[in-house]
Amino acid sequence: MATKRRRRPLPPKARAQAETEILEQGRWSGLKEQQELEARNHSERENCDARRRCREFLEGGWGSIDWIDLYDQK
């Protein structure tokens, strides 16, 4: 059985360009609606904190989140 070839991740500059093209062409239809909801319901600081926690969770799993601090149970 032949081994599968891995895709190399895009360099940051190419990734940013691809994201810009996708957004300009409207391929991601829910993105603008999601951004409007975030802006309407939360402050920019809350949104940044939520994105950071989401990235930590995706990269490190549930053990990487300080749940006590998150829910202010100190």
PDB file of N, CA and C in Angstrom:
ATOM      1  N   MET A   1       0.843  -1.177   0.000  1.00  0.00           N
ATOM      2  CA  MET A   1       0.000   0.000   0.000  1.00  0.00           C
ATOM      3  C   MET A   1       0.890   1.243   0.000  1.00  0.00           C
ATOM      4  N   ALA A   2       0.580   2.154  -0.858  1.00  0.00           N
ATOM      5  CA  ALA A   2       1.372   3.377  -0.974  1.00  0.00           C
ATOM      6  C   ALA A   2       1.100   4.289   0.222  1.00  0.00           C
ATOM      7  N   THR A   3       2.127   4.982   0.658  1.00  0.00           N
ATOM      8  CA  THR A   3       1.945   5.907   1.768  1.00  0.00           C
ATOM      9  C   THR A   3       1.323   7.199   1.271  1.00  0.00           C
ATOM     10  N   LYS A   4       0.579   7.819   2.144  1.00  0.00           N
ATOM     11  CA  LYS A   4      -0.057   9.080   1.785  1.00  0.00           C
ATOM     12  C   LYS A   4       0.949  10.213   1.910  1.00  0.00           C
ATOM     13  N   ARG A   5       0.866  11.124   0.984  1.00  0.00           N
ATOM     14  CA  ARG A   5       1.739  12.285   1.027  1.00  0.00           C
ATOM     15  C   ARG A   5       1.098  13.355   1.890  1.00  0.00           C
ATOM     16  N   ARG A   6       1.898  13.962   2.720  1.00  0.00           N
ATOM     17  CA  ARG A   6       1.411  15.040   3.574  1.00  0.00           C
ATOM     18  C   ARG A   6       1.467  16.361   2.824  1.00  0.00           C
ATOM     19  N   ARG A   7       0.466  17.164   3.076  1.00  0.00           N
ATOM     20  CA  ARG A   7       0.488  18.518   2.530  1.00  0.00           C
ATOM     21  C   ARG A   7       1.317  19.403   3.440  1.00  0.00           C
ATOM     22  N   ARG A   8       2.102  20.232   2.847  1.00  0.00           N
ATOM     23  CA  ARG A   8       2.852  21.208   3.638  1.00  0.00           C
ATOM     24  C   ARG A   8       1.920  22.364   3.961  1.00  0.00           C
ATOM     25  N   PRO A   9       1.988  22.881   5.188  1.00  0.00           N
ATOM     26  CA  PRO A   9       1.136  24.040   5.507  1.00  0.00           C
ATOM     27  C   PRO A   9       1.566  25.255   4.699  1.00  0.00           C
ATOM     28  N   LEU A  10       0.603  26.097   4.409  1.00  0.00           N
ATOM     29  CA  LEU A  10       0.901  27.311   3.660  1.00  0.00           C
ATOM     30  C   LEU A  10       1.741  28.260   4.507  1.00  0.00           C
ATOM     31  N   PRO A  11       2.686  28.949   3.896  1.00  0.00           N
ATOM     32  CA  PRO A  11       3.407  29.980   4.649  1.00  0.00           C
ATOM     33  C   PRO A  11       2.435  31.089   5.040  1.00  0.00           C
ATOM     34  N   PRO A  12       2.722  31.821   6.120  1.00  0.00           N
ATOM     35  CA  PRO A  12       1.788  32.845   6.610  1.00  0.00           C
ATOM     36  C   PRO A  12       1.355  33.853   5.549  1.00  0.00           C
ATOM     37  N   LYS A  13       2.276  34.272   4.703  1.00  0.00           N
ATOM     38  CA  LYS A  13       1.937  35.264   3.679  1.00  0.00           C
ATOM     39  C   LYS A  13       0.943  34.679   2.670  1.00  0.00           C
ATOM     40  N   ALA A  14       1.168  33.448   2.237  1.00  0.00           N
ATOM     41  CA  ALA A  14       0.263  32.797   1.285  1.00  0.00           C
ATOM     42  C   ALA A  14      -1.086  32.528   1.936  1.00  0.00           C
ATOM     43  N   ARG A  15      -1.076  32.156   3.206  1.00  0.00           N
ATOM     44  CA  ARG A  15      -2.328  31.905   3.918  1.00  0.00           C
ATOM     45  C   ARG A  15      -3.151  33.185   4.028  1.00  0.00           C
ATOM     46  N   ALA A  16      -2.494  34.284   4.367  1.00  0.00           N
ATOM     47  CA  ALA A  16      -3.188  35.563   4.481  1.00  0.00           C
ATOM     48  C   ALA A  16      -3.776  35.967   3.131  1.00  0.00           C
ATOM     49  N   GLN A  17      -3.031  35.730   2.071  1.00  0.00           N
ATOM     50  CA  GLN A  17      -3.522  36.068   0.735  1.00  0.00           C
ATOM     51  C   GLN A  17      -4.731  35.195   0.386  1.00  0.00           C
ATOM     52  N   ALA A  18      -4.673  33.916   0.704  1.00  0.00           N
ATOM     53  CA  ALA A  18      -5.795  33.019   0.423  1.00  0.00           C
ATOM     54  C   ALA A  18      -7.031  33.434   1.212  1.00  0.00           C
ATOM     55  N   GLU A  19      -6.844  33.787   2.487  1.00  0.00           N
ATOM     56  CA  GLU A  19      -7.976  34.230   3.306  1.00  0.00           C
ATOM     57  C   GLU A  19      -8.585  35.510   2.736  1.00  0.00           C
ATOM     58  N   THR A  20      -7.748  36.429   2.294  1.00  0.00           N
ATOM     59  CA  THR A  20      -8.242  37.674   1.705  1.00  0.00           C
ATOM     60  C   THR A  20      -9.063  37.391   0.454  1.00  0.00           C
ATOM     61  N   GLU A  21      -8.574  36.506  -0.395  1.00  0.00           N
ATOM     62  CA  GLU A  21      -9.306  36.157  -1.616  1.00  0.00           C
ATOM     63  C   GLU A  21     -10.657  35.518  -1.292  1.00  0.00           C
ATOM     64  N   ILE A  22     -10.675  34.636  -0.319  1.00  0.00           N
ATOM     65  CA  ILE A  22     -11.921  33.976   0.071  1.00  0.00           C
ATOM     66  C   ILE A  22     -12.932  34.996   0.578  1.00  0.00           C
ATOM     67  N   LEU A  23     -12.463  35.928   1.407  1.00  0.00           N
ATOM     68  CA  LEU A  23     -13.366  36.929   1.953  1.00  0.00           C
ATOM     69  C   LEU A  23     -13.882  37.878   0.863  1.00  0.00           C
ATOM     70  N   GLU A  24     -13.029  38.251  -0.057  1.00  0.00           N
ATOM     71  CA  GLU A  24     -13.440  39.159  -1.127  1.00  0.00           C
ATOM     72  C   GLU A  24     -14.441  38.501  -2.069  1.00  0.00           C
ATOM     73  N   GLN A  25     -14.307  37.218  -2.302  1.00  0.00           N
ATOM     74  CA  GLN A  25     -15.185  36.521  -3.226  1.00  0.00           C
ATOM     75  C   GLN A  25     -16.477  36.050  -2.549  1.00  0.00           C
ATOM     76  N   GLY A  26     -16.562  36.199  -1.249  1.00  0.00           N
ATOM     77  CA  GLY A  26     -17.781  35.839  -0.545  1.00  0.00           C
ATOM     78  C   GLY A  26     -18.016  34.343  -0.429  1.00  0.00           C
ATOM     79  N   ARG A  27     -16.966  33.560  -0.463  1.00  0.00           N
ATOM     80  CA  ARG A  27     -17.143  32.110  -0.352  1.00  0.00           C
ATOM     81  C   ARG A  27     -17.570  31.691   1.053  1.00  0.00           C
ATOM     82  N   TRP A  28     -17.212  32.513   2.017  1.00  0.00           N
ATOM     83  CA  TRP A  28     -17.527  32.173   3.398  1.00  0.00           C
ATOM     84  C   TRP A  28     -18.696  33.059   3.801  1.00  0.00           C
ATOM     85  N   SER A  29     -19.884  32.630   3.466  1.00  0.00           N
ATOM     86  CA  SER A  29     -21.065  33.479   3.582  1.00  0.00           C
ATOM     87  C   SER A  29     -21.404  33.852   5.022  1.00  0.00           C
ATOM     88  N   GLY A  30     -21.129  32.994   5.979  1.00  0.00           N
ATOM     89  CA  GLY A  30     -21.509  33.278   7.350  1.00  0.00           C
ATOM     90  C   GLY A  30     -20.522  34.138   8.116  1.00  0.00           C
ATOM     91  N   LEU A  31     -19.370  34.438   7.526  1.00  0.00           N
ATOM     92  CA  LEU A  31     -18.340  35.166   8.262  1.00  0.00           C
ATOM     93  C   LEU A  31     -18.784  36.573   8.630  1.00  0.00           C
ATOM     94  N   LYS A  32     -19.331  37.302   7.678  1.00  0.00           N
ATOM     95  CA  LYS A  32     -19.744  38.676   7.965  1.00  0.00           C
ATOM     96  C   LYS A  32     -20.852  38.700   9.007  1.00  0.00           C
ATOM     97  N   GLU A  33     -21.786  37.773   8.911  1.00  0.00           N
ATOM     98  CA  GLU A  33     -22.863  37.690   9.896  1.00  0.00           C
ATOM     99  C   GLU A  33     -22.300  37.374  11.279  1.00  0.00           C
ATOM    100  N   GLN A  34     -21.334  36.459  11.341  1.00  0.00           N
ATOM    101  CA  GLN A  34     -20.713  36.106  12.616  1.00  0.00           C
ATOM    102  C   GLN A  34     -19.995  37.310  13.211  1.00  0.00           C
ATOM    103  N   GLN A  35     -19.269  38.053  12.394  1.00  0.00           N
ATOM    104  CA  GLN A  35     -18.560  39.231  12.884  1.00  0.00           C
ATOM    105  C   GLN A  35     -19.540  40.284  13.382  1.00  0.00           C
ATOM    106  N   GLU A  36     -20.664  40.460  12.706  1.00  0.00           N
ATOM    107  CA  GLU A  36     -21.671  41.418  13.153  1.00  0.00           C
ATOM    108  C   GLU A  36     -22.259  41.008  14.497  1.00  0.00           C
ATOM    109  N   LEU A  37     -22.530  39.717  14.663  1.00  0.00           N
ATOM    110  CA  LEU A  37     -23.060  39.233  15.944  1.00  0.00           C
ATOM    111  C   LEU A  37     -22.053  39.440  17.072  1.00  0.00           C
ATOM    112  N   GLU A  38     -20.778  39.141  16.792  1.00  0.00           N
ATOM    113  CA  GLU A  38     -19.739  39.339  17.798  1.00  0.00           C
ATOM    114  C   GLU A  38     -19.662  40.804  18.204  1.00  0.00           C
ATOM    115  N   ALA A  39     -19.687  41.697  17.232  1.00  0.00           N
ATOM    116  CA  ALA A  39     -19.575  43.127  17.520  1.00  0.00           C
ATOM    117  C   ALA A  39     -20.798  43.641  18.277  1.00  0.00           C
ATOM    118  N   ARG A  40     -21.958  43.121  17.958  1.00  0.00           N
ATOM    119  CA  ARG A  40     -23.189  43.591  18.588  1.00  0.00           C
ATOM    120  C   ARG A  40     -23.318  43.091  20.032  1.00  0.00           C
ATOM    121  N   ASN A  41     -22.857  41.869  20.302  1.00  0.00           N
ATOM    122  CA  ASN A  41     -23.115  41.250  21.594  1.00  0.00           C
ATOM    123  C   ASN A  41     -21.940  41.269  22.570  1.00  0.00           C
ATOM    124  N   HIS A  42     -20.740  41.528  22.081  1.00  0.00           N
ATOM    125  CA  HIS A  42     -19.561  41.481  22.956  1.00  0.00           C
ATOM    126  C   HIS A  42     -18.593  42.595  22.590  1.00  0.00           C
ATOM    127  N   SER A  43     -17.762  42.960  23.560  1.00  0.00           N
ATOM    128  CA  SER A  43     -16.736  43.961  23.282  1.00  0.00           C
ATOM    129  C   SER A  43     -15.595  43.307  22.507  1.00  0.00           C
ATOM    130  N   GLU A  44     -14.752  44.138  21.925  1.00  0.00           N
ATOM    131  CA  GLU A  44     -13.606  43.624  21.176  1.00  0.00           C
ATOM    132  C   GLU A  44     -12.678  42.830  22.096  1.00  0.00           C
ATOM    133  N   ARG A  45     -12.526  43.288  23.314  1.00  0.00           N
ATOM    134  CA  ARG A  45     -11.672  42.585  24.293  1.00  0.00           C
ATOM    135  C   ARG A  45     -12.220  41.181  24.582  1.00  0.00           C
ATOM    136  N   GLU A  46     -13.528  41.075  24.789  1.00  0.00           N
ATOM    137  CA  GLU A  46     -14.138  39.767  25.047  1.00  0.00           C
ATOM    138  C   GLU A  46     -13.947  38.832  23.851  1.00  0.00           C
ATOM    139  N   ASN A  47     -14.104  39.369  22.648  1.00  0.00           N
ATOM    140  CA  ASN A  47     -13.933  38.550  21.450  1.00  0.00           C
ATOM    141  C   ASN A  47     -12.490  38.066  21.303  1.00  0.00           C
ATOM    142  N   CYS A  48     -11.530  38.934  21.587  1.00  0.00           N
ATOM    143  CA  CYS A  48     -10.114  38.543  21.511  1.00  0.00           C
ATOM    144  C   CYS A  48      -9.790  37.458  22.536  1.00  0.00           C
ATOM    145  N   ASP A  49     -10.305  37.627  23.754  1.00  0.00           N
ATOM    146  CA  ASP A  49     -10.083  36.623  24.794  1.00  0.00           C
ATOM    147  C   ASP A  49     -10.703  35.282  24.405  1.00  0.00           C
ATOM    148  N   ALA A  50     -11.901  35.319  23.839  1.00  0.00           N
ATOM    149  CA  ALA A  50     -12.576  34.089  23.421  1.00  0.00           C
ATOM    150  C   ALA A  50     -11.803  33.394  22.306  1.00  0.00           C
ATOM    151  N   ARG A  51     -11.276  34.152  21.348  1.00  0.00           N
ATOM    152  CA  ARG A  51     -10.491  33.558  20.265  1.00  0.00           C
ATOM    153  C   ARG A  51      -9.212  32.928  20.812  1.00  0.00           C
ATOM    154  N   ARG A  52      -8.567  33.605  21.771  1.00  0.00           N
ATOM    155  CA  ARG A  52      -7.337  33.073  22.374  1.00  0.00           C
ATOM    156  C   ARG A  52      -7.630  31.764  23.097  1.00  0.00           C
ATOM    157  N   ARG A  53      -8.717  31.737  23.890  1.00  0.00           N
ATOM    158  CA  ARG A  53      -9.080  30.513  24.616  1.00  0.00           C
ATOM    159  C   ARG A  53      -9.430  29.376  23.654  1.00  0.00           C
ATOM    160  N   CYS A  54     -10.101  29.713  22.571  1.00  0.00           N
ATOM    161  CA  CYS A  54     -10.450  28.706  21.568  1.00  0.00           C
ATOM    162  C   CYS A  54      -9.186  28.112  20.954  1.00  0.00           C
ATOM    163  N   ARG A  55      -8.215  28.966  20.607  1.00  0.00           N
ATOM    164  CA  ARG A  55      -6.964  28.487  20.025  1.00  0.00           C
ATOM    165  C   ARG A  55      -6.219  27.609  21.034  1.00  0.00           C
ATOM    166  N   GLU A  56      -6.181  28.018  22.318  1.00  0.00           N
ATOM    167  CA  GLU A  56      -5.532  27.205  23.347  1.00  0.00           C
ATOM    168  C   GLU A  56      -6.206  25.846  23.449  1.00  0.00           C
ATOM    169  N   PHE A  57      -7.530  25.836  23.411  1.00  0.00           N
ATOM    170  CA  PHE A  57      -8.277  24.593  23.519  1.00  0.00           C
ATOM    171  C   PHE A  57      -7.988  23.673  22.334  1.00  0.00           C
ATOM    172  N   LEU A  58      -7.980  24.230  21.128  1.00  0.00           N
ATOM    173  CA  LEU A  58      -7.718  23.427  19.940  1.00  0.00           C
ATOM    174  C   LEU A  58      -6.304  22.857  19.934  1.00  0.00           C
ATOM    175  N   GLU A  59      -5.353  23.637  20.409  1.00  0.00           N
ATOM    176  CA  GLU A  59      -3.964  23.199  20.368  1.00  0.00           C
ATOM    177  C   GLU A  59      -3.581  22.327  21.565  1.00  0.00           C
ATOM    178  N   GLY A  60      -4.173  22.600  22.728  1.00  0.00           N
ATOM    179  CA  GLY A  60      -3.730  21.891  23.923  1.00  0.00           C
ATOM    180  C   GLY A  60      -4.751  20.975  24.570  1.00  0.00           C
ATOM    181  N   GLY A  61      -5.981  20.977  24.088  1.00  0.00           N
ATOM    182  CA  GLY A  61      -7.008  20.120  24.681  1.00  0.00           C
ATOM    183  C   GLY A  61      -7.625  20.765  25.909  1.00  0.00           C
ATOM    184  N   TRP A  62      -8.538  20.041  26.539  1.00  0.00           N
ATOM    185  CA  TRP A  62      -9.281  20.604  27.663  1.00  0.00           C
ATOM    186  C   TRP A  62      -8.394  20.912  28.854  1.00  0.00           C
ATOM    187  N   GLY A  63      -7.261  20.260  28.985  1.00  0.00           N
ATOM    188  CA  GLY A  63      -6.361  20.502  30.110  1.00  0.00           C
ATOM    189  C   GLY A  63      -5.609  21.821  30.017  1.00  0.00           C
ATOM    190  N   SER A  64      -5.606  22.438  28.860  1.00  0.00           N
ATOM    191  CA  SER A  64      -4.863  23.686  28.688  1.00  0.00           C
ATOM    192  C   SER A  64      -5.652  24.910  29.148  1.00  0.00           C
ATOM    193  N   ILE A  65      -6.932  24.747  29.441  1.00  0.00           N
ATOM    194  CA  ILE A  65      -7.779  25.861  29.854  1.00  0.00           C
ATOM    195  C   ILE A  65      -7.829  25.933  31.373  1.00  0.00           C
ATOM    196  N   ASP A  66      -7.670  27.137  31.913  1.00  0.00           N
ATOM    197  CA  ASP A  66      -7.819  27.355  33.353  1.00  0.00           C
ATOM    198  C   ASP A  66      -9.305  27.601  33.622  1.00  0.00           C
ATOM    199  N   TRP A  67     -10.039  26.523  33.885  1.00  0.00           N
ATOM    200  CA  TRP A  67     -11.490  26.593  34.002  1.00  0.00           C
ATOM    201  C   TRP A  67     -11.939  27.407  35.192  1.00  0.00           C
ATOM    202  N   ILE A  68     -11.194  27.381  36.287  1.00  0.00           N
ATOM    203  CA  ILE A  68     -11.567  28.156  37.476  1.00  0.00           C
ATOM    204  C   ILE A  68     -11.488  29.643  37.167  1.00  0.00           C
ATOM    205  N   ASP A  69     -10.416  30.048  36.486  1.00  0.00           N
ATOM    206  CA  ASP A  69     -10.270  31.456  36.110  1.00  0.00           C
ATOM    207  C   ASP A  69     -11.337  31.855  35.092  1.00  0.00           C
ATOM    208  N   LEU A  70     -11.652  30.961  34.191  1.00  0.00           N
ATOM    209  CA  LEU A  70     -12.642  31.240  33.151  1.00  0.00           C
ATOM    210  C   LEU A  70     -14.011  31.543  33.739  1.00  0.00           C
ATOM    211  N   TYR A  71     -14.400  30.819  34.755  1.00  0.00           N
ATOM    212  CA  TYR A  71     -15.725  30.987  35.358  1.00  0.00           C
ATOM    213  C   TYR A  71     -15.688  31.806  36.648  1.00  0.00           C
ATOM    214  N   ASP A  72     -14.574  32.494  36.907  1.00  0.00           N
ATOM    215  CA  ASP A  72     -14.420  33.375  38.070  1.00  0.00           C
ATOM    216  C   ASP A  72     -14.848  32.701  39.367  1.00  0.00           C
ATOM    217  N   GLN A  73     -14.300  31.517  39.608  1.00  0.00           N
ATOM    218  CA  GLN A  73     -14.657  30.783  40.825  1.00  0.00           C
ATOM    219  C   GLN A  73     -13.493  30.765  41.816  1.00  0.00           C
ATOM    220  N   LYS A  74     -12.769  31.860  41.876  1.00  0.00           N
ATOM    221  CA  LYS A  74     -11.629  31.924  42.808  1.00  0.00           C
ATOM    222  C   LYS A  74     -12.108  32.305  44.174  1.00  0.00           C
TER     223      LYS A  74
END
